[in-house]
Amino acid sequence: ASEQKMEERGQWSNKLEFILSVAGSIIGLGNMWRFPYLCYKNGGGAFLIPYLIFLFTCGVPVFFLETALGQYTSEGGITCWRKISPLFEGLGYGTQVIVTLLNFYYIIVLAWGIFYLSFSFSWDLPWSSCNNTWNTENCVELQRRNTSINQTVNPNSTSPVIEFWERRALRISPGIDQMGSLNWDLALCLLVAWAMCYFCIWKGVKSTGKVVYFTATFPYLMLIVLLIRGLTLPGAEIGIQFYLYPDLGRLADPQVWMDAGTQIFFSYAICLGSLTALGSYNKYNNNCYRDCLALCLLNSGTSFVAGFAIFSILGFMSYEQNVHISEVAESGPGLAFIAYPRAVSMMPFSPLWAALFFIMIVFLGLDSQFVCVESLVTAVVDMYPTVFRRKNRRELFLLAVVLFSFLMGLIMLMEVELTRTHRHISDLLLPEQLKRTQSHFKKHNLLCTLEERVQLLIKPSGDLPKTKREQERLLVIFAPDGDATNA
């Protein structure tokens, strides 16, 4: 039988496909739920100073270098380093290990989003009331600004939003000794998420380049709709004020600078090999420098605008509940699955706004997820082109990656609380000092540490004699008998 013909490596049909693919990869959940909170937490508008410094000194250069590396070599995240210098091939392996781990847990957020989206198509949102089977006797419904209660407030009371998140969505078990079973509802949502991811990239750049026309642009439409809605709500100006009010004194805190640098590396997806893989499908003479500058501006601009959409909603919550905005401002999953659903339940036509928000969350995460998978598949296929560039072999390898990642993701859908599990394991394995002592970075710590190290290098050891008389005395003590007599 004749050997199957090896397929050629694909290329983007046009530049727009590349730009939308990279935009979908880097503009994700971090822009929506991480940057606005960091800006509020670290001095408002003052946080933009370290953010912009890290952007132009680290983010843009590394972003451009990774993209140019892929375009120059036309190779994936591992073999590109082999072409440059085999000595650095280990960098490629390291990035793909990180991408593999990301594939296991990042898509869990998509499963959560799909789960919440499925509950958004009901007139009475299940997280807005305490009349559900999963609610406890401590559940207290949200109080609006124009309502009042005369009953005594239970100090152990919880909101229906939190109970829906913990008892219905995650189904957290009471303790580590009760492992519980697999959360089959979320497992089904995870399967749907992986199926969407698979069919987005199963034909390589041919399918990815067409899918991103919708998946990369639709979240912007949703963001604009939610932004307009948020700015028209009462109390929106309160949230925007807390979002941008500059506190220049916070710049003296090293943690602010650490958060800014971390956000750049997190939101620009650098040092993961994804940009190298996407850039490798460009034409050799493509002006990637101009593309990278435009994408960096788009990414940071999206983060900034998303802050207005998020904090206008949080300002509305603060106004309606008559509490300080710091009591409603959250970051990460707490913002997407607790704070925002709570705010949506207070709006007219709440199911509509809930559906729009979670559709945006799903598509923001989907782009980033399937680009990570594409990065891994591209790296392996480019390592063994004679094996995988045959008919249907790449699709079968992609299916194997998806199935394996899906099975690994099921571990994270058990009903035991992983945070509590991690705490118990650390109690068993770590010394008491490491478990309980938190690191507090003060502005003088680094200088003191440097001074101590310099002193240790230049200062003589403490057990050496300090005077000439002490040296002579020691010479007499340890000298042979004849020498001591002569002395």
Protein backbone atom coordinates (compact mmCIF):
# COMPACT_ATOMS: atom_id res chain seq x y z
CA ALA A 1 0.00 0.00 0.00
CA SER A 2 1.24 3.46 -0.83
CA GLU A 3 2.19 5.69 2.04
CA GLN A 4 -0.23 8.50 2.86
CA LYS A 5 0.85 11.92 1.64
CA MET A 6 2.05 14.27 4.37
CA GLU A 7 -0.17 17.34 4.70
CA GLU A 8 1.29 20.84 4.46
CA ARG A 9 1.44 23.15 7.45
CA GLY A 10 -1.47 25.58 7.40
CA GLN A 11 -1.48 29.39 7.31
CA TRP A 12 -3.97 32.09 8.19
CA SER A 13 -6.16 33.01 5.24
CA ASN A 14 -5.72 36.71 6.05
CA LYS A 15 -4.29 38.97 8.71
CA LEU A 16 -7.65 39.54 10.39
CA GLU A 17 -7.87 35.88 11.37
CA PHE A 18 -4.53 36.14 13.15
CA ILE A 19 -5.48 39.35 14.94
CA LEU A 20 -8.84 37.98 16.10
CA SER A 21 -7.25 34.71 17.25
CA VAL A 22 -4.63 36.49 19.34
CA ALA A 23 -7.22 38.94 20.65
CA GLY A 24 -9.46 36.07 21.70
CA SER A 25 -6.51 34.40 23.42
CA ILE A 26 -5.26 37.33 25.48
CA ILE A 27 -8.57 39.09 26.15
CA GLY A 28 -10.23 36.78 28.61
CA LEU A 29 -11.57 36.48 32.11
CA GLY A 30 -8.60 38.31 33.64
CA ASN A 31 -9.59 41.50 31.82
CA MET A 32 -13.12 41.27 33.17
CA TRP A 33 -12.74 40.18 36.78
CA ARG A 34 -9.09 40.77 37.74
CA PHE A 35 -7.87 44.11 36.39
CA PRO A 36 -10.80 46.25 37.66
CA TYR A 37 -10.46 44.85 41.17
CA LEU A 38 -6.67 45.32 41.21
CA CYS A 39 -7.13 48.89 40.05
CA TYR A 40 -9.62 49.58 42.85
CA LYS A 41 -7.54 47.75 45.46
CA ASN A 42 -4.19 49.34 44.59
CA GLY A 43 -4.91 53.04 44.46
CA GLY A 44 -7.41 53.51 41.65
CA GLY A 45 -5.96 55.64 38.88
CA ALA A 46 -2.54 55.53 40.56
CA PHE A 47 -2.35 51.81 39.74
CA LEU A 48 -2.14 52.73 36.07
CA ILE A 49 1.37 54.13 36.64
CA PRO A 50 3.08 50.81 37.52
CA TYR A 51 0.76 49.01 35.11
CA LEU A 52 1.88 51.14 32.15
CA ILE A 53 5.53 50.89 33.20
CA PHE A 54 5.38 47.09 33.20
CA LEU A 55 3.34 47.14 30.00
CA PHE A 56 5.97 48.99 27.97
CA THR A 57 9.04 47.46 29.64
CA CYS A 58 7.88 43.83 29.88
CA GLY A 59 4.52 43.20 28.26
CA VAL A 60 4.95 44.68 24.79
CA PRO A 61 8.59 43.53 24.23
CA VAL A 62 8.00 39.92 25.32
CA PHE A 63 4.67 39.81 23.47
CA PHE A 64 6.40 40.93 20.28
CA LEU A 65 9.37 38.59 20.73
CA GLU A 66 7.17 35.52 21.18
CA THR A 67 5.04 36.34 18.15
CA ALA A 68 8.07 37.14 16.00
CA LEU A 69 9.78 33.92 17.09
CA GLY A 70 6.86 31.85 15.84
CA GLN A 71 6.57 33.81 12.59
CA TYR A 72 10.31 33.60 11.89
CA THR A 73 10.64 29.86 12.50
CA SER A 74 7.13 28.71 11.42
CA GLU A 75 7.31 26.21 14.28
CA GLY A 76 5.39 25.50 17.47
CA GLY A 77 6.40 26.25 21.04
CA ILE A 78 9.10 23.53 21.27
CA THR A 79 10.69 23.18 17.83
CA CYS A 80 11.03 26.95 17.45
CA TRP A 81 13.67 26.86 20.18
CA ARG A 82 15.33 23.88 18.53
CA LYS A 83 15.78 25.97 15.39
CA ILE A 84 17.19 28.92 17.31
CA SER A 85 19.44 26.87 19.58
CA PRO A 86 18.95 23.28 20.77
CA LEU A 87 20.31 24.41 24.14
CA PHE A 88 17.07 26.33 24.80
CA GLU A 89 14.68 23.56 23.78
CA GLY A 90 13.88 22.95 27.44
CA LEU A 91 12.14 26.34 27.55
CA GLY A 92 9.62 25.00 25.06
CA TYR A 93 9.01 21.86 27.10
CA GLY A 94 8.48 23.99 30.21
CA THR A 95 5.87 26.19 28.53
CA GLN A 96 3.95 23.19 27.24
CA VAL A 97 3.87 21.64 30.71
CA ILE A 98 2.26 24.85 31.97
CA VAL A 99 -0.22 24.86 29.08
CA THR A 100 -1.13 21.23 29.81
CA LEU A 101 -1.92 22.09 33.42
CA LEU A 102 -3.90 25.14 32.32
CA ASN A 103 -6.02 22.93 30.08
CA PHE A 104 -7.06 20.89 33.11
CA TYR A 105 -8.47 23.67 35.28
CA TYR A 106 -9.11 26.81 33.21
CA ILE A 107 -12.02 25.22 31.39
CA ILE A 108 -13.72 24.55 34.73
CA VAL A 109 -14.68 28.24 34.72
CA LEU A 110 -16.45 27.69 31.40
CA ALA A 111 -18.37 24.81 32.96
CA TRP A 112 -19.46 27.14 35.78
CA GLY A 113 -20.52 29.76 33.24
CA ILE A 114 -22.54 27.24 31.23
CA PHE A 115 -24.16 26.01 34.44
CA TYR A 116 -25.23 29.53 35.46
CA LEU A 117 -26.33 30.29 31.91
CA SER A 118 -28.67 27.30 31.95
CA PHE A 119 -30.39 28.72 35.06
CA SER A 120 -30.68 32.21 33.56
CA PHE A 121 -33.56 31.26 31.27
CA SER A 122 -36.19 31.42 33.99
CA TRP A 123 -38.20 34.43 35.04
CA ASP A 124 -37.32 33.99 38.73
CA LEU A 125 -33.57 33.56 39.04
CA PRO A 126 -32.84 30.74 41.51
CA TRP A 127 -30.13 32.72 43.32
CA SER A 128 -32.48 35.61 44.13
CA SER A 129 -34.70 33.83 46.69
CA CYS A 130 -34.50 31.40 49.60
CA ASN A 131 -37.39 29.21 48.42
CA ASN A 132 -35.25 26.48 46.88
CA THR A 133 -34.46 22.98 48.08
CA TRP A 134 -30.77 23.75 48.57
CA ASN A 135 -31.38 26.78 50.80
CA THR A 136 -30.86 26.53 54.56
CA GLU A 137 -32.68 28.14 57.46
CA ASN A 138 -29.90 30.74 57.64
CA CYS A 139 -30.71 32.06 54.18
CA VAL A 140 -31.76 35.72 54.14
CA GLU A 141 -32.98 37.35 50.95
CA LEU A 142 -31.38 40.54 49.67
CA GLN A 143 -32.69 43.78 51.13
CA ARG A 144 -33.30 46.69 48.81
CA ARG A 145 -32.82 50.36 49.62
CA ASN A 146 -36.55 51.04 49.78
CA THR A 147 -37.36 48.08 52.06
CA SER A 148 -36.79 47.47 55.74
CA ILE A 149 -37.05 44.60 58.20
CA ASN A 150 -37.84 44.49 61.88
CA GLN A 151 -36.56 41.01 62.63
CA THR A 152 -33.29 40.24 64.42
CA VAL A 153 -30.47 39.50 61.99
CA ASN A 154 -28.85 36.09 62.44
CA PRO A 155 -25.04 36.46 62.66
CA ASN A 156 -24.73 33.17 60.72
CA SER A 157 -27.04 34.30 57.95
CA THR A 158 -26.06 33.81 54.31
CA SER A 159 -27.41 35.21 51.08
CA PRO A 160 -29.22 33.08 48.48
CA VAL A 161 -26.47 33.94 45.98
CA ILE A 162 -23.78 32.36 48.16
CA GLU A 163 -25.94 29.35 48.94
CA PHE A 164 -26.62 28.79 45.25
CA TRP A 165 -22.88 28.98 44.54
CA GLU A 166 -21.76 26.71 47.37
CA ARG A 167 -24.71 24.33 47.80
CA ARG A 168 -26.16 24.09 44.28
CA ALA A 169 -23.35 24.85 41.83
CA LEU A 170 -20.28 23.49 43.67
CA ARG A 171 -22.14 21.30 46.20
CA ILE A 172 -19.31 21.69 48.70
CA SER A 173 -19.17 18.88 51.25
CA PRO A 174 -19.08 19.71 55.00
CA GLY A 175 -15.45 18.64 55.41
CA ILE A 176 -12.45 16.82 53.98
CA ASP A 177 -13.59 13.59 55.64
CA GLN A 178 -16.68 13.61 53.40
CA MET A 179 -15.44 13.38 49.83
CA GLY A 180 -18.91 13.31 48.35
CA SER A 181 -19.51 12.22 44.77
CA LEU A 182 -18.95 13.65 41.34
CA ASN A 183 -20.99 16.76 40.56
CA TRP A 184 -22.77 15.35 37.52
CA ASP A 185 -24.41 18.65 36.55
CA LEU A 186 -21.04 20.37 36.25
CA ALA A 187 -19.58 17.27 34.60
CA LEU A 188 -22.17 17.60 31.84
CA CYS A 189 -21.36 21.31 31.50
CA LEU A 190 -17.66 20.44 31.32
CA LEU A 191 -18.38 17.94 28.54
CA VAL A 192 -20.27 20.63 26.60
CA ALA A 193 -17.36 23.05 27.07
CA TRP A 194 -14.81 20.52 25.78
CA ALA A 195 -17.05 19.65 22.81
CA MET A 196 -17.23 23.33 21.88
CA CYS A 197 -13.46 23.62 22.24
CA TYR A 198 -12.81 20.54 20.09
CA PHE A 199 -14.94 21.62 17.15
CA CYS A 200 -13.45 25.12 17.23
CA ILE A 201 -9.96 23.82 16.43
CA TRP A 202 -10.40 20.31 15.00
CA LYS A 203 -9.34 21.42 11.50
CA GLY A 204 -6.47 23.59 12.69
CA VAL A 205 -6.24 27.19 11.53
CA LYS A 206 -8.84 26.51 8.84
CA SER A 207 -11.57 26.17 11.46
CA THR A 208 -10.03 28.42 14.13
CA GLY A 209 -9.70 31.31 11.69
CA LYS A 210 -13.42 31.17 10.92
CA VAL A 211 -14.66 30.60 14.47
CA VAL A 212 -12.89 33.65 15.92
CA TYR A 213 -14.92 35.98 13.73
CA PHE A 214 -17.76 35.30 16.16
CA THR A 215 -16.12 34.18 19.42
CA ALA A 216 -13.69 37.13 19.55
CA THR A 217 -16.16 39.86 18.58
CA PHE A 218 -19.37 38.78 20.32
CA PRO A 219 -18.00 39.42 23.86
CA TYR A 220 -17.36 43.04 22.83
CA LEU A 221 -20.99 43.43 21.85
CA MET A 222 -22.04 42.03 25.22
CA LEU A 223 -19.55 44.27 27.03
CA ILE A 224 -20.91 47.38 25.31
CA VAL A 225 -24.49 46.41 26.17
CA LEU A 226 -23.60 45.76 29.83
CA LEU A 227 -21.56 48.98 29.98
CA ILE A 228 -24.46 51.09 28.75
CA ARG A 229 -26.82 49.34 31.14
CA GLY A 230 -24.45 49.77 34.07
CA LEU A 231 -23.87 53.48 33.46
CA THR A 232 -27.62 54.14 33.45
CA LEU A 233 -28.21 52.54 36.86
CA PRO A 234 -28.53 54.64 40.04
CA GLY A 235 -25.33 54.66 42.06
CA ALA A 236 -23.10 53.93 39.06
CA GLU A 237 -21.04 57.05 39.73
CA ILE A 238 -20.19 55.71 43.20
CA GLY A 239 -18.58 52.63 41.73
CA ILE A 240 -16.70 54.54 39.03
CA GLN A 241 -15.35 56.97 41.62
CA PHE A 242 -13.94 54.15 43.71
CA TYR A 243 -12.60 52.49 40.57
CA LEU A 244 -10.54 55.47 39.40
CA TYR A 245 -10.00 57.73 42.42
CA PRO A 246 -6.17 58.04 42.61
CA ASP A 247 -4.35 57.29 45.84
CA LEU A 248 -0.71 58.07 45.05
CA GLY A 249 0.41 56.95 48.50
CA ARG A 250 -0.23 53.34 47.49
CA LEU A 251 2.70 53.51 45.07
CA ALA A 252 5.07 53.15 48.03
CA ASP A 253 3.73 49.64 48.64
CA PRO A 254 5.76 46.96 46.77
CA GLN A 255 2.65 44.77 46.58
CA VAL A 256 1.07 47.27 44.18
CA TRP A 257 4.01 46.89 41.80
CA MET A 258 3.92 43.12 42.14
CA ASP A 259 0.22 43.07 41.27
CA ALA A 260 0.84 45.27 38.23
CA GLY A 261 3.62 43.02 36.91
CA THR A 262 1.62 39.87 37.60
CA GLN A 263 -1.40 41.27 35.76
CA ILE A 264 0.71 42.03 32.68
CA PHE A 265 2.07 38.49 32.47
CA PHE A 266 -1.35 37.03 33.27
CA SER A 267 -3.46 39.02 30.82
CA TYR A 268 -0.99 38.98 27.91
CA ALA A 269 -0.53 35.18 27.99
CA ILE A 270 3.23 35.56 27.61
CA CYS A 271 5.74 32.80 28.33
CA LEU A 272 3.14 30.12 27.52
CA GLY A 273 3.97 29.38 23.89
CA SER A 274 0.48 30.32 22.68
CA LEU A 275 1.65 33.46 20.91
CA THR A 276 4.47 31.51 19.28
CA ALA A 277 2.02 28.93 17.96
CA LEU A 278 -0.38 31.55 16.59
CA GLY A 279 2.45 33.58 15.07
CA SER A 280 3.87 30.50 13.36
CA TYR A 281 0.88 30.43 10.99
CA ASN A 282 1.65 33.95 9.70
CA LYS A 283 3.35 34.65 6.41
CA TYR A 284 7.08 35.16 6.77
CA ASN A 285 7.00 38.84 5.77
CA ASN A 286 3.96 39.82 7.87
CA ASN A 287 4.37 43.08 9.82
CA CYS A 288 3.93 41.48 13.23
CA TYR A 289 5.41 44.53 14.99
CA ARG A 290 2.44 46.68 14.02
CA ASP A 291 0.02 43.88 14.82
CA CYS A 292 1.49 43.37 18.29
CA LEU A 293 1.29 47.05 19.18
CA ALA A 294 -2.36 47.19 18.11
CA LEU A 295 -3.20 44.02 20.06
CA CYS A 296 -1.49 45.28 23.21
CA LEU A 297 -3.41 48.54 23.08
CA LEU A 298 -6.64 46.62 22.47
CA ASN A 299 -5.98 44.31 25.42
CA SER A 300 -5.22 47.05 27.94
CA GLY A 301 -8.01 49.23 26.59
CA THR A 302 -10.50 46.40 27.05
CA SER A 303 -9.37 45.92 30.65
CA PHE A 304 -9.84 49.62 31.35
CA VAL A 305 -13.31 49.80 29.77
CA ALA A 306 -14.39 46.58 31.50
CA GLY A 307 -13.70 48.30 34.80
CA PHE A 308 -16.44 50.83 34.06
CA ALA A 309 -18.91 48.04 33.24
CA ILE A 310 -18.09 46.11 36.41
CA PHE A 311 -17.82 48.96 38.92
CA SER A 312 -20.92 50.74 37.67
CA ILE A 313 -22.80 47.55 38.58
CA LEU A 314 -21.02 47.32 41.94
CA GLY A 315 -21.89 50.96 42.60
CA PHE A 316 -25.52 50.12 41.92
CA MET A 317 -25.30 47.26 44.43
CA SER A 318 -23.75 49.56 47.00
CA TYR A 319 -26.52 52.10 46.46
CA GLU A 320 -29.36 49.56 46.61
CA GLN A 321 -28.08 47.78 49.73
CA ASN A 322 -26.95 51.03 51.38
CA VAL A 323 -23.49 49.64 52.18
CA HIS A 324 -19.94 50.69 51.38
CA ILE A 325 -18.70 49.52 48.01
CA SER A 326 -15.81 47.66 49.64
CA GLU A 327 -18.40 45.23 51.03
CA VAL A 328 -19.58 44.25 47.54
CA ALA A 329 -16.35 44.52 45.52
CA GLU A 330 -14.82 41.12 44.84
CA SER A 331 -12.27 39.61 42.49
CA GLY A 332 -12.01 36.39 40.51
CA PRO A 333 -14.85 33.85 40.59
CA GLY A 334 -16.44 35.73 43.49
CA LEU A 335 -17.12 38.65 41.14
CA ALA A 336 -18.52 36.58 38.27
CA PHE A 337 -20.54 34.06 40.26
CA ILE A 338 -21.49 35.90 43.47
CA ALA A 339 -21.28 39.69 43.17
CA TYR A 340 -22.57 40.09 39.62
CA PRO A 341 -25.47 37.60 39.95
CA ARG A 342 -26.48 39.42 43.14
CA ALA A 343 -26.50 42.72 41.26
CA VAL A 344 -28.40 41.27 38.31
CA SER A 345 -31.14 39.95 40.60
CA MET A 346 -31.84 43.56 41.67
CA MET A 347 -32.40 44.79 38.10
CA PRO A 348 -35.59 44.83 36.07
CA PHE A 349 -35.63 42.01 33.47
CA SER A 350 -32.92 40.27 35.47
CA PRO A 351 -32.94 37.01 33.41
CA LEU A 352 -31.99 38.96 30.27
CA TRP A 353 -28.98 40.63 31.87
CA ALA A 354 -27.92 37.40 33.56
CA ALA A 355 -28.02 35.54 30.24
CA LEU A 356 -26.04 38.26 28.44
CA PHE A 357 -23.40 38.34 31.18
CA PHE A 358 -22.83 34.58 31.31
CA ILE A 359 -22.79 34.30 27.51
CA MET A 360 -19.98 36.86 27.58
CA ILE A 361 -18.16 34.88 30.30
CA VAL A 362 -18.42 31.65 28.28
CA PHE A 363 -17.08 33.18 25.07
CA LEU A 364 -14.29 35.06 26.85
CA GLY A 365 -13.09 31.81 28.38
CA LEU A 366 -13.69 29.70 25.27
CA ASP A 367 -11.26 31.69 23.11
CA SER A 368 -8.47 31.49 25.67
CA GLN A 369 -9.12 27.79 26.21
CA PHE A 370 -9.05 26.56 22.64
CA VAL A 371 -5.96 28.64 21.86
CA CYS A 372 -4.17 26.93 24.77
CA VAL A 373 -5.16 23.54 23.37
CA GLU A 374 -4.12 24.61 19.87
CA SER A 375 -0.74 25.66 21.25
CA LEU A 376 -0.15 22.23 22.77
CA VAL A 377 -1.31 20.34 19.68
CA THR A 378 0.78 22.53 17.37
CA ALA A 379 3.89 21.97 19.48
CA VAL A 380 3.52 18.16 19.41
CA VAL A 381 2.56 17.97 15.71
CA ASP A 382 5.58 20.08 14.74
CA MET A 383 7.84 17.78 16.76
CA TYR A 384 6.61 14.70 14.87
CA PRO A 385 5.35 15.98 11.50
CA THR A 386 5.80 12.65 9.72
CA VAL A 387 3.50 11.01 12.26
CA PHE A 388 0.71 13.55 12.75
CA ARG A 389 0.53 15.34 9.39
CA ARG A 390 -1.35 12.48 7.85
CA LYS A 391 -5.04 12.22 7.10
CA ASN A 392 -7.18 12.46 10.27
CA ARG A 393 -4.21 11.83 12.60
CA ARG A 394 -4.12 15.37 13.93
CA GLU A 395 -7.85 15.21 14.64
CA LEU A 396 -7.42 11.92 16.51
CA PHE A 397 -4.54 13.31 18.55
CA LEU A 398 -6.63 16.38 19.40
CA LEU A 399 -9.48 14.10 20.48
CA ALA A 400 -7.09 12.19 22.76
CA VAL A 401 -5.89 15.45 24.34
CA VAL A 402 -9.48 16.61 24.88
CA LEU A 403 -10.60 13.31 26.43
CA PHE A 404 -7.58 13.13 28.74
CA SER A 405 -8.03 16.75 29.84
CA PHE A 406 -11.75 16.14 30.41
CA LEU A 407 -11.03 13.15 32.65
CA MET A 408 -8.46 15.15 34.63
CA GLY A 409 -10.96 17.97 35.00
CA LEU A 410 -13.47 15.64 36.64
CA ILE A 411 -11.19 15.54 39.68
CA MET A 412 -11.96 19.22 40.23
CA LEU A 413 -15.70 18.60 40.13
CA MET A 414 -15.83 16.45 43.23
CA GLU A 415 -18.05 17.80 45.99
CA VAL A 416 -15.19 18.15 48.48
CA GLU A 417 -13.97 21.73 48.90
CA LEU A 418 -10.48 21.89 47.38
CA THR A 419 -9.57 25.01 49.37
CA ARG A 420 -10.29 23.24 52.64
CA THR A 421 -8.45 20.14 51.39
CA HIS A 422 -5.38 22.19 50.56
CA ARG A 423 -5.46 23.79 54.00
CA HIS A 424 -5.60 20.41 55.76
CA ILE A 425 -2.76 19.02 53.64
CA SER A 426 -0.61 22.05 54.39
CA ASP A 427 -1.33 21.58 58.10
CA LEU A 428 0.03 18.05 57.85
CA LEU A 429 3.12 18.74 55.75
CA LEU A 430 4.32 22.28 56.45
CA PRO A 431 6.06 23.61 59.57
CA GLU A 432 4.04 25.91 61.77
CA GLN A 433 6.04 28.98 60.73
CA LEU A 434 5.31 28.41 57.04
CA LYS A 435 1.64 27.69 57.62
CA ARG A 436 0.62 30.65 59.70
CA THR A 437 3.16 33.41 59.09
CA GLN A 438 2.11 35.69 56.26
CA SER A 439 4.61 37.62 54.17
CA HIS A 440 4.29 41.37 54.59
CA PHE A 441 6.40 43.44 52.24
CA LYS A 442 7.51 46.71 53.79
CA LYS A 443 9.38 49.37 51.90
CA HIS A 444 12.45 48.98 54.12
CA ASN A 445 12.63 45.17 54.03
CA LEU A 446 14.51 44.89 50.76
CA LEU A 447 17.09 47.50 51.79
CA CYS A 448 17.64 45.82 55.17
CA THR A 449 18.09 42.44 53.54
CA LEU A 450 20.61 43.85 51.06
CA GLU A 451 22.51 45.59 53.85
CA GLU A 452 22.68 42.38 55.89
CA ARG A 453 24.02 40.40 52.94
CA VAL A 454 26.71 42.98 52.21
CA GLN A 455 27.77 42.99 55.86
CA LEU A 456 28.05 39.21 55.88
CA LEU A 457 30.34 39.37 52.85
CA ILE A 458 32.70 42.08 54.09
CA LYS A 459 32.63 41.60 57.87
CA PRO A 460 35.20 39.20 59.41
CA SER A 461 33.94 36.19 61.26
CA GLY A 462 33.05 36.79 64.90
CA ASP A 463 35.38 34.09 66.26
CA LEU A 464 38.54 35.74 64.89
CA PRO A 465 40.78 37.67 67.37
CA LYS A 466 40.15 41.39 67.12
CA THR A 467 43.38 42.82 68.61
CA LYS A 468 47.10 42.21 68.17
CA ARG A 469 47.48 41.27 71.86
CA GLU A 470 44.84 38.53 71.46
CA GLN A 471 46.64 37.23 68.38
CA GLU A 472 49.98 37.07 70.27
CA ARG A 473 48.30 35.33 73.21
CA LEU A 474 46.85 32.68 70.93
CA LEU A 475 50.21 32.18 69.25
CA VAL A 476 51.81 31.54 72.64
CA ILE A 477 49.09 29.09 73.66
CA PHE A 478 49.22 27.01 70.49
CA ALA A 479 52.96 27.27 69.81
CA PRO A 480 55.25 24.23 70.43
CA ASP A 481 57.03 24.12 73.81
CA GLY A 482 60.37 25.19 72.44
CA ASP A 483 58.97 28.13 70.57
CA ALA A 484 56.94 29.25 73.56
CA THR A 485 60.07 29.21 75.79
CA ASN A 486 61.99 31.26 73.28
CA ALA A 487 59.09 33.69 73.07
